[in-house]
Amino acid sequence: MLPDEEGSVISGLDTEDKSVHEGTVTYDIRFHAIAPDSGEPIGLIVNVEAQNDFYPGYPLTKRGIYYCCRMISSQYGREFVGSHYEKLKKVYSIWICMNPPKNRENTITRYRLTEEHLVGEAVEPVQHYDLLSIVMLYLGGPDGENYDGVLRMLDVLLSHETSEAEKRRILQDDYDIQMTRTLESEVSVMCNLSKGVIEKSWKKGVAEGKEKGILSSIESLMETMNWTLDQAMTALKVPEAERQNYRNLLEKQ
């Protein structure tokens, strides 16, 4: 894939990967990209996932590995046919974890294939085996170490407390990202992510009955968004007169 007339090096892909024997994988975001400064248009297939729940019942790294394997195997018949394995494109699965445990906050970890010389030193060109990478970005907050660069930028974008106008200002002033109409629209989409979590929790509360349901929603937001009790009640617009009741209920549990 070559850049288009506007110089674009990213092309969106279908977010569903269907297999007769392995079922369907639905990615959050998946796209083609071209590696910069590579000397030639090296193709990449990138998958990006936003993850609220760090403990879904399985290690997220294993899911990332599985996604990479599916993106590699699905290239047959799309990127190459027959025995033209030289046309395989490298795949990335990038995970943005918004509520990691404290010991992982504000860290970035990469998992990839490497060459290990067991006997002798036979060297294979790195591009022949370096075909998958899993990158885990664990967000934290300004109180922790390493709160800078892409970690700070993502934390700001996904923050429920920072206004849309402030997010645009930080991106432009601190990261020199010019706010075109397209980027302004994408910032709005990012702002709606946290709102979507709040609305989902509220609907769950209504379905379960007012007191019991709201209590469940408060607990859900405290766990998934890493909020305090007061922050969760403010997000759910719990009247001030009713807040002490929910504090008492939580203390009894």
C-alpha atoms as a PDB file:
ATOM      1  CA  MET A   1       0.000   0.000   0.000  1.00  0.00           C
ATOM      2  CA  LEU A   2       1.410   3.389  -0.995  1.00  0.00           C
ATOM      3  CA  PRO A   3       0.486   6.773   0.506  1.00  0.00           C
ATOM      4  CA  ASP A   4      -2.405   8.458  -1.250  1.00  0.00           C
ATOM      5  CA  GLU A   5      -2.284  11.923  -2.838  1.00  0.00           C
ATOM      6  CA  GLU A   6      -2.642  13.564   0.594  1.00  0.00           C
ATOM      7  CA  GLY A   7       0.307  11.584   1.968  1.00  0.00           C
ATOM      8  CA  SER A   8      -1.741   9.282   4.189  1.00  0.00           C
ATOM      9  CA  VAL A   9       0.099   6.250   5.528  1.00  0.00           C
ATOM     10  CA  ILE A  10      -2.873   4.701   7.353  1.00  0.00           C
ATOM     11  CA  SER A  11      -5.750   2.739   5.845  1.00  0.00           C
ATOM     12  CA  GLY A  12      -8.611   1.307   7.894  1.00  0.00           C
ATOM     13  CA  LEU A  13      -9.491  -2.391   7.838  1.00  0.00           C
ATOM     14  CA  ASP A  14     -12.588  -4.384   8.690  1.00  0.00           C
ATOM     15  CA  THR A  15     -12.730  -4.841  12.481  1.00  0.00           C
ATOM     16  CA  GLU A  16     -14.136  -8.381  12.160  1.00  0.00           C
ATOM     17  CA  ASP A  17     -11.943 -11.392  11.431  1.00  0.00           C
ATOM     18  CA  LYS A  18     -14.052 -14.465  10.659  1.00  0.00           C
ATOM     19  CA  SER A  19     -12.820 -18.049  10.586  1.00  0.00           C
ATOM     20  CA  VAL A  20     -14.864 -21.218  10.035  1.00  0.00           C
ATOM     21  CA  HIS A  21     -12.940 -23.178  12.659  1.00  0.00           C
ATOM     22  CA  GLU A  22     -11.818 -20.397  15.045  1.00  0.00           C
ATOM     23  CA  GLY A  23     -14.917 -18.202  15.194  1.00  0.00           C
ATOM     24  CA  THR A  24     -15.056 -14.414  14.844  1.00  0.00           C
ATOM     25  CA  VAL A  25     -12.692 -11.909  16.458  1.00  0.00           C
ATOM     26  CA  THR A  26     -13.950  -8.338  16.736  1.00  0.00           C
ATOM     27  CA  TYR A  27     -11.160  -5.792  17.076  1.00  0.00           C
ATOM     28  CA  ASP A  28     -11.661  -2.293  18.490  1.00  0.00           C
ATOM     29  CA  ILE A  29      -9.497  -0.735  15.761  1.00  0.00           C
ATOM     30  CA  ARG A  30      -7.495  -2.338  12.973  1.00  0.00           C
ATOM     31  CA  PHE A  31      -5.607  -0.608  10.148  1.00  0.00           C
ATOM     32  CA  HIS A  32      -2.768  -0.793   7.643  1.00  0.00           C
ATOM     33  CA  ALA A  33       0.207   1.516   8.115  1.00  0.00           C
ATOM     34  CA  ILE A  34       3.546   2.216   6.456  1.00  0.00           C
ATOM     35  CA  ALA A  35       6.675   2.358   8.627  1.00  0.00           C
ATOM     36  CA  PRO A  36       8.297   5.820   8.409  1.00  0.00           C
ATOM     37  CA  ASP A  37      11.921   6.223   7.288  1.00  0.00           C
ATOM     38  CA  SER A  38      12.045   2.595   6.188  1.00  0.00           C
ATOM     39  CA  GLY A  39      13.450   3.322   2.741  1.00  0.00           C
ATOM     40  CA  GLU A  40      10.595   1.380   1.207  1.00  0.00           C
ATOM     41  CA  PRO A  41       6.854   1.010   1.907  1.00  0.00           C
ATOM     42  CA  ILE A  42       6.989  -1.753   4.555  1.00  0.00           C
ATOM     43  CA  GLY A  43       3.411  -2.697   5.386  1.00  0.00           C
ATOM     44  CA  LEU A  44       2.169  -3.038   8.960  1.00  0.00           C
ATOM     45  CA  ILE A  45      -1.162  -4.288  10.278  1.00  0.00           C
ATOM     46  CA  VAL A  46      -2.005  -2.641  13.600  1.00  0.00           C
ATOM     47  CA  ASN A  47      -4.719  -3.523  16.091  1.00  0.00           C
ATOM     48  CA  VAL A  48      -5.512  -1.142  18.970  1.00  0.00           C
ATOM     49  CA  GLU A  49      -7.627  -2.184  21.971  1.00  0.00           C
ATOM     50  CA  ALA A  50      -8.882  -0.049  24.866  1.00  0.00           C
ATOM     51  CA  GLN A  51      -9.280  -2.130  28.027  1.00  0.00           C
ATOM     52  CA  ASN A  52     -11.055  -1.025  31.221  1.00  0.00           C
ATOM     53  CA  ASP A  53     -10.983  -4.368  33.021  1.00  0.00           C
ATOM     54  CA  PHE A  54      -7.441  -5.551  33.794  1.00  0.00           C
ATOM     55  CA  TYR A  55      -8.716  -8.833  35.292  1.00  0.00           C
ATOM     56  CA  PRO A  56     -11.222 -10.234  32.752  1.00  0.00           C
ATOM     57  CA  GLY A  57     -10.490 -13.840  33.799  1.00  0.00           C
ATOM     58  CA  TYR A  58      -7.411 -14.378  31.590  1.00  0.00           C
ATOM     59  CA  PRO A  59      -4.039 -12.635  30.998  1.00  0.00           C
ATOM     60  CA  LEU A  60      -4.429  -9.755  28.543  1.00  0.00           C
ATOM     61  CA  THR A  61      -1.010 -10.547  27.056  1.00  0.00           C
ATOM     62  CA  LYS A  62      -2.275 -13.976  25.936  1.00  0.00           C
ATOM     63  CA  ARG A  63      -5.250 -12.333  24.223  1.00  0.00           C
ATOM     64  CA  GLY A  64      -2.839  -9.945  22.517  1.00  0.00           C
ATOM     65  CA  ILE A  65      -0.750 -12.876  21.274  1.00  0.00           C
ATOM     66  CA  TYR A  66      -3.883 -14.599  19.961  1.00  0.00           C
ATOM     67  CA  TYR A  67      -4.965 -11.440  18.124  1.00  0.00           C
ATOM     68  CA  CYS A  68      -1.523 -11.188  16.503  1.00  0.00           C
ATOM     69  CA  CYS A  69      -1.656 -14.826  15.399  1.00  0.00           C
ATOM     70  CA  ARG A  70      -5.116 -14.289  13.889  1.00  0.00           C
ATOM     71  CA  MET A  71      -3.927 -11.187  12.026  1.00  0.00           C
ATOM     72  CA  ILE A  72      -0.985 -13.155  10.617  1.00  0.00           C
ATOM     73  CA  SER A  73      -2.990 -16.210   9.561  1.00  0.00           C
ATOM     74  CA  SER A  74      -5.770 -14.071   8.043  1.00  0.00           C
ATOM     75  CA  GLN A  75      -3.279 -12.547   5.593  1.00  0.00           C
ATOM     76  CA  TYR A  76      -3.409 -15.714   3.491  1.00  0.00           C
ATOM     77  CA  GLY A  77      -5.671 -14.991   0.542  1.00  0.00           C
ATOM     78  CA  ARG A  78      -5.585 -11.252   1.293  1.00  0.00           C
ATOM     79  CA  GLU A  79      -1.952 -10.165   1.357  1.00  0.00           C
ATOM     80  CA  PHE A  80      -0.511 -13.241  -0.360  1.00  0.00           C
ATOM     81  CA  VAL A  81      -1.477 -16.552  -1.996  1.00  0.00           C
ATOM     82  CA  GLY A  82       0.291 -19.834  -2.631  1.00  0.00           C
ATOM     83  CA  SER A  83       3.735 -20.047  -1.029  1.00  0.00           C
ATOM     84  CA  HIS A  84       4.566 -16.313  -1.130  1.00  0.00           C
ATOM     85  CA  TYR A  85       5.238 -16.061   2.601  1.00  0.00           C
ATOM     86  CA  GLU A  86       7.741 -13.284   1.878  1.00  0.00           C
ATOM     87  CA  LYS A  87       4.714 -10.993   1.557  1.00  0.00           C
ATOM     88  CA  LEU A  88       3.639 -11.480   5.175  1.00  0.00           C
ATOM     89  CA  LYS A  89       3.240  -8.134   6.919  1.00  0.00           C
ATOM     90  CA  LYS A  90       4.246  -7.461  10.500  1.00  0.00           C
ATOM     91  CA  VAL A  91       1.359  -7.158  12.969  1.00  0.00           C
ATOM     92  CA  TYR A  92       1.011  -5.149  16.163  1.00  0.00           C
ATOM     93  CA  SER A  93      -1.567  -5.526  18.916  1.00  0.00           C
ATOM     94  CA  ILE A  94      -1.526  -2.410  21.113  1.00  0.00           C
ATOM     95  CA  TRP A  95      -3.465  -2.431  24.392  1.00  0.00           C
ATOM     96  CA  ILE A  96      -4.355   0.725  26.311  1.00  0.00           C
ATOM     97  CA  CYS A  97      -5.137  -0.395  29.876  1.00  0.00           C
ATOM     98  CA  MET A  98      -6.947   2.376  31.738  1.00  0.00           C
ATOM     99  CA  ASN A  99      -7.212   0.804  35.200  1.00  0.00           C
ATOM    100  CA  PRO A 100      -4.104  -1.319  35.812  1.00  0.00           C
ATOM    101  CA  PRO A 101      -2.828  -2.349  39.252  1.00  0.00           C
ATOM    102  CA  LYS A 102      -0.575   0.173  40.996  1.00  0.00           C
ATOM    103  CA  ASN A 103       2.637  -1.697  40.175  1.00  0.00           C
ATOM    104  CA  ARG A 104       1.974  -1.303  36.435  1.00  0.00           C
ATOM    105  CA  GLU A 105       0.767   2.299  36.282  1.00  0.00           C
ATOM    106  CA  ASN A 106       2.569   4.588  33.815  1.00  0.00           C
ATOM    107  CA  THR A 107       4.521   1.781  32.173  1.00  0.00           C
ATOM    108  CA  ILE A 108       4.867   0.449  28.623  1.00  0.00           C
ATOM    109  CA  THR A 109       5.888  -3.157  27.939  1.00  0.00           C
ATOM    110  CA  ARG A 110       6.552  -4.834  24.596  1.00  0.00           C
ATOM    111  CA  TYR A 111       6.527  -8.547  23.772  1.00  0.00           C
ATOM    112  CA  ARG A 112       8.066  -9.773  20.506  1.00  0.00           C
ATOM    113  CA  LEU A 113       9.928 -12.579  18.729  1.00  0.00           C
ATOM    114  CA  THR A 114      13.722 -12.498  19.064  1.00  0.00           C
ATOM    115  CA  GLU A 115      16.594 -14.613  17.769  1.00  0.00           C
ATOM    116  CA  GLU A 116      18.428 -16.797  20.292  1.00  0.00           C
ATOM    117  CA  HIS A 117      21.699 -18.497  19.362  1.00  0.00           C
ATOM    118  CA  LEU A 118      21.759 -21.912  21.069  1.00  0.00           C
ATOM    119  CA  VAL A 119      24.683 -23.365  19.118  1.00  0.00           C
ATOM    120  CA  GLY A 120      26.836 -21.205  16.874  1.00  0.00           C
ATOM    121  CA  GLU A 121      25.924 -17.745  15.591  1.00  0.00           C
ATOM    122  CA  ALA A 122      23.865 -18.228  12.413  1.00  0.00           C
ATOM    123  CA  VAL A 123      22.190 -14.869  11.849  1.00  0.00           C
ATOM    124  CA  GLU A 124      18.822 -14.490  10.118  1.00  0.00           C
ATOM    125  CA  PRO A 125      17.685 -11.080   8.817  1.00  0.00           C
ATOM    126  CA  VAL A 126      15.477  -9.612  11.524  1.00  0.00           C
ATOM    127  CA  GLN A 127      12.655  -8.828   9.086  1.00  0.00           C
ATOM    128  CA  HIS A 128      12.237 -12.588   8.440  1.00  0.00           C
ATOM    129  CA  TYR A 129      11.098 -13.382  11.989  1.00  0.00           C
ATOM    130  CA  ASP A 130      10.216 -10.097  13.708  1.00  0.00           C
ATOM    131  CA  LEU A 131       6.599 -10.337  12.567  1.00  0.00           C
ATOM    132  CA  LEU A 132       4.522  -9.695  15.683  1.00  0.00           C
ATOM    133  CA  SER A 133       4.617  -7.336  18.652  1.00  0.00           C
ATOM    134  CA  ILE A 134       2.273  -6.907  21.588  1.00  0.00           C
ATOM    135  CA  VAL A 135       2.519  -3.516  23.305  1.00  0.00           C
ATOM    136  CA  MET A 136       0.833  -2.956  26.670  1.00  0.00           C
ATOM    137  CA  LEU A 137       0.357   0.669  27.752  1.00  0.00           C
ATOM    138  CA  TYR A 138      -0.681   0.927  31.388  1.00  0.00           C
ATOM    139  CA  LEU A 139      -2.079   4.360  32.195  1.00  0.00           C
ATOM    140  CA  GLY A 140      -1.745   5.905  35.637  1.00  0.00           C
ATOM    141  CA  GLY A 141      -1.924   9.525  36.649  1.00  0.00           C
ATOM    142  CA  PRO A 142       0.124  12.653  37.338  1.00  0.00           C
ATOM    143  CA  ASP A 143       1.007  11.483  40.858  1.00  0.00           C
ATOM    144  CA  GLY A 144       3.037   8.513  39.610  1.00  0.00           C
ATOM    145  CA  GLU A 145       6.425   8.218  37.924  1.00  0.00           C
ATOM    146  CA  ASN A 146       6.930   8.265  34.143  1.00  0.00           C
ATOM    147  CA  TYR A 147       3.852  10.470  33.619  1.00  0.00           C
ATOM    148  CA  ASP A 148       5.011  11.928  30.323  1.00  0.00           C
ATOM    149  CA  GLY A 149       4.950  11.451  26.575  1.00  0.00           C
ATOM    150  CA  VAL A 150       2.323   9.131  25.129  1.00  0.00           C
ATOM    151  CA  LEU A 151       1.213   7.962  28.597  1.00  0.00           C
ATOM    152  CA  ARG A 152       0.268  11.487  29.637  1.00  0.00           C
ATOM    153  CA  MET A 153      -1.331  12.215  26.253  1.00  0.00           C
ATOM    154  CA  LEU A 154      -3.561   9.124  26.422  1.00  0.00           C
ATOM    155  CA  ASP A 155      -4.424   9.781  30.063  1.00  0.00           C
ATOM    156  CA  VAL A 156      -5.527  13.318  29.164  1.00  0.00           C
ATOM    157  CA  LEU A 157      -7.552  12.135  26.154  1.00  0.00           C
ATOM    158  CA  LEU A 158      -9.379   9.464  28.149  1.00  0.00           C
ATOM    159  CA  SER A 159      -9.883  11.571  31.280  1.00  0.00           C
ATOM    160  CA  HIS A 160     -13.487  12.152  32.370  1.00  0.00           C
ATOM    161  CA  GLU A 161     -12.450  15.240  34.352  1.00  0.00           C
ATOM    162  CA  THR A 162     -10.668  17.205  31.603  1.00  0.00           C
ATOM    163  CA  SER A 163     -12.916  19.257  29.304  1.00  0.00           C
ATOM    164  CA  GLU A 164     -12.845  18.794  25.545  1.00  0.00           C
ATOM    165  CA  ALA A 165     -11.494  22.332  25.066  1.00  0.00           C
ATOM    166  CA  GLU A 166      -8.682  21.681  27.558  1.00  0.00           C
ATOM    167  CA  LYS A 167      -7.789  18.431  25.808  1.00  0.00           C
ATOM    168  CA  ARG A 168      -7.487  20.244  22.493  1.00  0.00           C
ATOM    169  CA  ARG A 169      -5.311  22.929  24.108  1.00  0.00           C
ATOM    170  CA  ILE A 170      -2.942  20.366  25.669  1.00  0.00           C
ATOM    171  CA  LEU A 171      -2.589  18.465  22.394  1.00  0.00           C
ATOM    172  CA  GLN A 172      -1.791  21.664  20.504  1.00  0.00           C
ATOM    173  CA  ASP A 173       0.422  23.438  23.058  1.00  0.00           C
ATOM    174  CA  ASP A 174       2.232  20.511  24.695  1.00  0.00           C
ATOM    175  CA  TYR A 175       2.396  18.037  21.807  1.00  0.00           C
ATOM    176  CA  ASP A 176       2.409  20.420  18.805  1.00  0.00           C
ATOM    177  CA  ILE A 177      -0.591  18.626  17.270  1.00  0.00           C
ATOM    178  CA  GLN A 178      -2.507  21.053  15.078  1.00  0.00           C
ATOM    179  CA  MET A 179      -6.253  20.864  15.650  1.00  0.00           C
ATOM    180  CA  THR A 180      -7.766  20.277  12.220  1.00  0.00           C
ATOM    181  CA  ARG A 181     -11.487  19.606  11.896  1.00  0.00           C
ATOM    182  CA  THR A 182     -10.781  15.888  11.641  1.00  0.00           C
ATOM    183  CA  LEU A 183      -8.673  15.852  14.800  1.00  0.00           C
ATOM    184  CA  GLU A 184     -11.224  17.936  16.705  1.00  0.00           C
ATOM    185  CA  SER A 185     -13.858  15.379  15.750  1.00  0.00           C
ATOM    186  CA  GLU A 186     -11.624  12.519  16.928  1.00  0.00           C
ATOM    187  CA  VAL A 187     -10.997  14.260  20.259  1.00  0.00           C
ATOM    188  CA  SER A 188     -14.768  14.440  20.705  1.00  0.00           C
ATOM    189  CA  VAL A 189     -14.990  10.685  20.099  1.00  0.00           C
ATOM    190  CA  MET A 190     -12.337  10.065  22.761  1.00  0.00           C
ATOM    191  CA  CYS A 191     -14.258  12.263  25.198  1.00  0.00           C
ATOM    192  CA  ASN A 192     -17.342  10.131  24.658  1.00  0.00           C
ATOM    193  CA  LEU A 193     -15.551   6.927  25.710  1.00  0.00           C
ATOM    194  CA  SER A 194     -15.709   7.684  29.431  1.00  0.00           C
ATOM    195  CA  LYS A 195     -19.247   9.027  29.034  1.00  0.00           C
ATOM    196  CA  GLY A 196     -20.224   5.719  27.481  1.00  0.00           C
ATOM    197  CA  VAL A 197     -18.958   3.829  30.518  1.00  0.00           C
ATOM    198  CA  ILE A 198     -21.014   6.083  32.802  1.00  0.00           C
ATOM    199  CA  GLU A 199     -24.190   5.672  30.725  1.00  0.00           C
ATOM    200  CA  LYS A 200     -23.754   1.901  30.621  1.00  0.00           C
ATOM    201  CA  SER A 201     -23.414   1.749  34.405  1.00  0.00           C
ATOM    202  CA  TRP A 202     -26.456   3.999  34.890  1.00  0.00           C
ATOM    203  CA  LYS A 203     -28.668   1.853  32.648  1.00  0.00           C
ATOM    204  CA  LYS A 204     -27.560  -1.204  34.572  1.00  0.00           C
ATOM    205  CA  GLY A 205     -28.576   0.505  37.808  1.00  0.00           C
ATOM    206  CA  VAL A 206     -32.033   1.418  36.546  1.00  0.00           C
ATOM    207  CA  ALA A 207     -32.614  -2.146  35.362  1.00  0.00           C
ATOM    208  CA  GLU A 208     -31.760  -3.582  38.800  1.00  0.00           C
ATOM    209  CA  GLY A 209     -33.920  -1.232  40.863  1.00  0.00           C
ATOM    210  CA  LYS A 210     -33.080   2.212  42.161  1.00  0.00           C
ATOM    211  CA  GLU A 211     -31.175   1.717  45.425  1.00  0.00           C
ATOM    212  CA  LYS A 212     -29.650  -1.676  44.699  1.00  0.00           C
ATOM    213  CA  GLY A 213     -28.960  -0.748  41.074  1.00  0.00           C
ATOM    214  CA  ILE A 214     -27.348   2.613  41.824  1.00  0.00           C
ATOM    215  CA  LEU A 215     -25.185   0.987  44.477  1.00  0.00           C
ATOM    216  CA  SER A 216     -24.101  -1.592  41.897  1.00  0.00           C
ATOM    217  CA  SER A 217     -23.353   1.190  39.400  1.00  0.00           C
ATOM    218  CA  ILE A 218     -21.284   3.088  41.972  1.00  0.00           C
ATOM    219  CA  GLU A 219     -19.215  -0.012  42.715  1.00  0.00           C
ATOM    220  CA  SER A 220     -18.785  -0.700  38.995  1.00  0.00           C
ATOM    221  CA  LEU A 221     -17.480   2.808  38.273  1.00  0.00           C
ATOM    222  CA  MET A 222     -15.150   2.720  41.281  1.00  0.00           C
ATOM    223  CA  GLU A 223     -13.663  -0.524  39.995  1.00  0.00           C
ATOM    224  CA  THR A 224     -13.540   0.050  36.239  1.00  0.00           C
ATOM    225  CA  MET A 225     -12.689   3.778  36.247  1.00  0.00           C
ATOM    226  CA  ASN A 226     -10.570   3.727  39.443  1.00  0.00           C
ATOM    227  CA  TRP A 227     -12.701   6.546  40.912  1.00  0.00           C
ATOM    228  CA  THR A 228     -13.393   7.479  44.514  1.00  0.00           C
ATOM    229  CA  LEU A 229     -16.884   7.008  45.933  1.00  0.00           C
ATOM    230  CA  ASP A 230     -17.642  10.727  45.586  1.00  0.00           C
ATOM    231  CA  GLN A 231     -16.413  10.823  41.981  1.00  0.00           C
ATOM    232  CA  ALA A 232     -18.656   7.879  41.071  1.00  0.00           C
ATOM    233  CA  MET A 233     -21.712   9.464  42.725  1.00  0.00           C
ATOM    234  CA  THR A 234     -21.017  12.783  41.006  1.00  0.00           C
ATOM    235  CA  ALA A 235     -20.758  11.067  37.616  1.00  0.00           C
ATOM    236  CA  LEU A 236     -24.091   9.302  38.244  1.00  0.00           C
ATOM    237  CA  LYS A 237     -25.652  12.573  39.474  1.00  0.00           C
ATOM    238  CA  VAL A 238     -26.715  11.080  42.807  1.00  0.00           C
ATOM    239  CA  PRO A 239     -28.486  13.847  44.793  1.00  0.00           C
ATOM    240  CA  GLU A 240     -26.477  15.192  47.724  1.00  0.00           C
ATOM    241  CA  ALA A 241     -29.258  14.254  50.132  1.00  0.00           C
ATOM    242  CA  GLU A 242     -28.976  10.569  49.150  1.00  0.00           C
ATOM    243  CA  ARG A 243     -25.189  10.217  49.163  1.00  0.00           C
ATOM    244  CA  GLN A 244     -24.778   9.434  52.867  1.00  0.00           C
ATOM    245  CA  ASN A 245     -27.159   6.515  52.432  1.00  0.00           C
ATOM    246  CA  TYR A 246     -24.925   4.962  49.787  1.00  0.00           C
ATOM    247  CA  ARG A 247     -21.832   5.600  51.938  1.00  0.00           C
ATOM    248  CA  ASN A 248     -23.500   3.687  54.768  1.00  0.00           C
ATOM    249  CA  LEU A 249     -24.525   0.834  52.475  1.00  0.00           C
ATOM    250  CA  LEU A 250     -21.003   0.439  51.147  1.00  0.00           C
ATOM    251  CA  GLU A 251     -19.535   0.463  54.669  1.00  0.00           C
ATOM    252  CA  LYS A 252     -21.836  -2.430  55.668  1.00  0.00           C
ATOM    253  CA  GLN A 253     -20.605  -4.645  52.827  1.00  0.00           C
END
